[in-house]
């Protein structure tokens, strides 16, 4: 109480001009302090909103990655099931049988090339490239339809050009591929 009495006495003894100067100084200090607090508050809120936006973006990216991971796992299970049905599948033999069935063996320019490019993961890829000359669109569509029915084979590249030899015919370069399991030794090393 004594401190309050001293302050009261000091203020009472001040002349009016000095009192208003102190009052204005005190009000300016309080206003400045309030502005400083408001500035700090809004700066903190802005910073937190920015962090929330970044966290939400990261969360969406993580969700996208997880969804893609689930799709990849599902597709791997499907591929494993397809491969398990016929583990001794050879794309070259399958393609020769398909050409004989379709009556297209005479349209192939040269023997089909089967390559196995290096591939990461637990599957290796066998790629077959064949060139045809003098095909009709009907023959091509029937061939592509038969390829599409076999889930073990997929079309990678299809190039069609107008043929110079028979009229109304086309030259075709077709690249198809299949996935095969890698030998056990190479997949164990990668994992």
Protein backbone atom coordinates (compact mmCIF):
# COMPACT_ATOMS: atom_id res chain seq x y z
CA UNK A 1 0.00 0.00 0.00
CA UNK A 2 2.84 2.32 0.70
CA UNK A 3 4.03 2.13 -2.91
CA UNK A 4 0.59 3.07 -4.20
CA UNK A 5 0.47 6.02 -1.79
CA UNK A 6 3.87 7.23 -3.01
CA UNK A 7 2.74 7.01 -6.67
CA UNK A 8 -0.49 8.80 -5.85
CA UNK A 9 1.39 11.55 -4.01
CA UNK A 10 3.88 11.92 -6.86
CA UNK A 11 1.09 12.22 -9.45
CA UNK A 12 -0.85 14.70 -7.25
CA UNK A 13 2.20 16.91 -6.94
CA UNK A 14 2.76 17.07 -10.69
CA UNK A 15 1.70 20.11 -12.59
CA UNK A 16 -0.96 19.59 -15.23
CA UNK A 17 1.36 19.85 -18.24
CA UNK A 18 3.78 17.28 -16.86
CA UNK A 19 0.88 14.98 -15.91
CA UNK A 20 -0.44 14.98 -19.50
CA UNK A 21 3.05 14.32 -20.86
CA UNK A 22 3.39 11.26 -18.61
CA UNK A 23 -0.14 10.16 -19.47
CA UNK A 24 0.50 10.47 -23.19
CA UNK A 25 3.85 8.65 -22.83
CA UNK A 26 2.16 5.87 -20.82
CA UNK A 27 -0.67 5.51 -23.37
CA UNK A 28 1.86 5.46 -26.25
CA UNK A 29 3.90 2.76 -24.48
CA UNK A 30 0.76 0.67 -23.87
CA UNK A 31 -0.36 1.15 -27.50
CA UNK A 32 3.09 0.24 -28.78
CA UNK A 33 3.13 -2.86 -26.58
CA UNK A 34 -0.33 -3.88 -27.85
CA UNK A 35 0.78 -3.38 -31.48
CA UNK A 36 3.87 -5.47 -30.83
CA UNK A 37 1.76 -8.25 -29.29
CA UNK A 38 -0.70 -8.15 -32.22
CA UNK A 39 2.15 -8.22 -34.76
CA UNK A 40 3.72 -11.22 -33.04
CA UNK A 41 0.33 -12.97 -32.85
CA UNK A 42 -0.46 -12.54 -36.56
CA UNK A 43 3.08 -13.49 -37.54
CA UNK A 44 2.79 -16.69 -35.50
CA UNK A 45 -0.63 -17.46 -36.99
CA UNK A 46 0.71 -16.90 -40.51
CA UNK A 47 3.69 -19.15 -39.81
CA UNK A 48 1.45 -21.88 -38.41
CA UNK A 49 -0.91 -21.65 -41.40
CA UNK A 50 2.06 -22.03 -43.71
CA UNK A 51 3.24 -25.10 -41.79
CA UNK A 52 -0.26 -26.57 -41.88
CA UNK A 53 -0.38 -26.10 -45.67
CA UNK A 54 3.02 -27.79 -46.06
CA UNK A 55 1.97 -30.68 -43.81
CA UNK A 56 -1.26 -31.11 -45.79
CA UNK A 57 0.70 -31.18 -49.06
CA UNK A 58 3.10 -33.76 -47.60
CA UNK A 59 0.14 -35.79 -46.36
CA UNK A 60 -1.46 -35.75 -49.81
CA UNK A 61 1.82 -36.81 -51.40
CA UNK A 62 2.20 -39.61 -48.87
CA UNK A 63 -1.38 -40.77 -49.59
CA UNK A 64 -0.63 -40.73 -53.33
CA UNK A 65 2.55 -42.75 -52.82
CA UNK A 66 0.75 -45.26 -50.61
CA UNK A 67 -2.06 -45.62 -53.16
CA UNK A 68 0.46 -46.17 -55.95
CA UNK A 69 2.27 -48.69 -53.77
CA UNK A 70 -0.95 -50.64 -53.26
CA UNK A 71 -1.62 -50.59 -57.00
CA UNK A 72 1.91 -51.85 -57.70
CA UNK A 73 1.51 -54.67 -55.15
CA UNK A 74 -1.84 -55.63 -56.67
CA UNK A 75 -0.33 -55.68 -60.15
CA UNK A 76 2.63 -57.73 -58.91
CA UNK A 77 0.22 -60.30 -57.46
CA UNK A 78 -1.63 -60.41 -60.78
CA UNK A 79 1.65 -60.82 -62.69
CA UNK A 80 2.77 -63.56 -60.31
CA UNK A 81 -0.54 -65.37 -60.86
CA UNK A 82 -0.27 -65.07 -64.65
CA UNK A 83 3.35 -66.27 -64.63
CA UNK A 84 2.50 -69.15 -62.31
CA UNK A 85 -0.06 -70.49 -64.82
CA UNK A 86 2.66 -71.18 -67.39
CA UNK A 87 6.18 -70.93 -65.98
CA UNK A 88 7.80 -72.36 -69.14
CA UNK A 89 6.26 -69.76 -71.46
CA UNK A 90 8.55 -68.75 -74.36
CA UNK A 91 7.51 -65.68 -76.31
CA UNK A 92 9.30 -66.79 -79.51
CA UNK A 93 7.49 -70.13 -79.66
CA UNK A 94 4.16 -68.50 -78.77
CA UNK A 95 4.59 -65.93 -81.55
CA UNK A 96 5.50 -68.55 -84.16
CA UNK A 97 2.43 -70.61 -83.21
CA UNK A 98 0.25 -67.49 -83.38
CA UNK A 99 1.57 -66.57 -86.85
CA UNK A 100 0.93 -70.12 -88.09
CA UNK A 101 -2.61 -70.02 -86.65
CA UNK A 102 -3.30 -66.63 -88.29
CA UNK A 103 -1.65 -67.65 -91.58
CA UNK A 104 0.85 -64.80 -91.39
CA UNK A 105 4.12 -66.77 -91.45
CA UNK A 106 4.71 -65.78 -95.07
CA UNK A 107 4.35 -62.05 -94.29
CA UNK A 108 7.27 -61.92 -91.83
CA UNK A 109 10.34 -60.34 -93.46
CA UNK A 110 12.92 -62.10 -91.31
CA UNK A 111 13.12 -64.18 -88.18
CA UNK A 112 11.85 -62.41 -85.11
CA UNK A 113 14.45 -61.15 -82.68
CA UNK A 114 14.05 -61.97 -78.98
CA UNK A 115 16.06 -59.81 -76.58
CA UNK A 116 16.18 -59.56 -72.80
CA UNK A 117 17.16 -56.04 -71.72
CA UNK A 118 18.35 -55.53 -68.14
CA UNK A 119 15.53 -54.63 -65.80
CA UNK A 120 15.34 -53.85 -62.10
CA UNK A 121 13.01 -55.76 -59.84
CA UNK A 122 12.10 -59.39 -59.59
CA UNK A 123 11.06 -59.81 -63.24
CA UNK A 124 13.06 -59.96 -66.45
CA UNK A 125 11.57 -58.89 -69.73
CA UNK A 126 11.72 -60.81 -73.01
CA UNK A 127 11.13 -58.54 -75.99
CA UNK A 128 10.30 -59.82 -79.48
CA UNK A 129 10.45 -57.59 -82.55
CA UNK A 130 8.90 -58.73 -85.84
CA UNK A 131 8.64 -56.99 -89.21
CA UNK A 132 5.82 -57.73 -91.61
CA UNK A 133 5.35 -56.71 -95.23
CA UNK A 134 2.20 -56.72 -97.33
CA UNK A 135 -0.31 -57.09 -94.49
CA UNK A 136 -3.88 -55.91 -94.63
CA UNK A 137 -5.48 -53.94 -91.81
CA UNK A 138 -7.80 -56.89 -91.18
CA UNK A 139 -4.84 -59.23 -90.65
CA UNK A 140 -3.17 -56.71 -88.35
CA UNK A 141 -6.28 -56.17 -86.23
CA UNK A 142 -6.85 -59.92 -85.90
CA UNK A 143 -3.22 -60.40 -84.86
CA UNK A 144 -3.44 -57.58 -82.31
CA UNK A 145 -6.71 -58.95 -80.98
CA UNK A 146 -5.15 -62.40 -80.45
CA UNK A 147 -2.19 -60.78 -78.69
CA UNK A 148 -4.55 -58.83 -76.47
CA UNK A 149 -6.38 -62.01 -75.43
CA UNK A 150 -3.16 -63.46 -73.98
CA UNK A 151 -2.55 -61.66 -70.68
CA UNK A 152 1.00 -62.97 -70.61
CA UNK A 153 2.00 -60.81 -73.60
CA UNK A 154 1.77 -57.05 -74.05
CA UNK A 155 2.39 -54.80 -77.04
CA UNK A 156 5.20 -52.29 -76.64
CA UNK A 157 5.60 -50.66 -80.06
CA UNK A 158 3.53 -50.73 -83.23
CA UNK A 159 4.73 -48.94 -86.36
CA UNK A 160 2.58 -48.95 -89.48
CA UNK A 161 3.64 -47.61 -92.88
CA UNK A 162 2.11 -47.84 -96.34
CA UNK A 163 3.60 -50.73 -98.30
CA UNK A 164 5.27 -50.15 -101.64
CA UNK A 165 4.62 -53.65 -102.99
CA UNK A 166 0.98 -54.82 -103.03
CA UNK A 167 -1.62 -52.05 -103.28
CA UNK A 168 -3.74 -51.30 -100.20
CA UNK A 169 -1.33 -53.10 -97.91
CA UNK A 170 0.86 -52.02 -95.02
CA UNK A 171 4.28 -52.75 -93.58
CA UNK A 172 4.28 -53.32 -89.85
CA UNK A 173 6.97 -53.39 -87.20
CA UNK A 174 5.59 -54.97 -84.04
CA UNK A 175 7.34 -55.21 -80.70
CA UNK A 176 5.78 -57.35 -78.00
CA UNK A 177 7.10 -58.43 -74.63
CA UNK A 178 6.45 -60.67 -71.67
CA UNK A 179 7.65 -60.72 -68.10
CA UNK A 180 9.45 -63.72 -66.69
CA UNK A 181 10.64 -64.37 -63.16
CA UNK A 182 14.33 -63.72 -62.66
CA UNK A 183 16.43 -66.62 -61.44
CA UNK A 184 16.31 -66.93 -57.65
CA UNK A 185 19.96 -65.93 -57.18
CA UNK A 186 19.63 -62.49 -58.80
CA UNK A 187 16.43 -61.53 -56.93
CA UNK A 188 17.89 -62.47 -53.55
CA UNK A 189 20.89 -60.21 -54.11
CA UNK A 190 18.69 -57.20 -54.96
CA UNK A 191 16.48 -57.59 -51.91
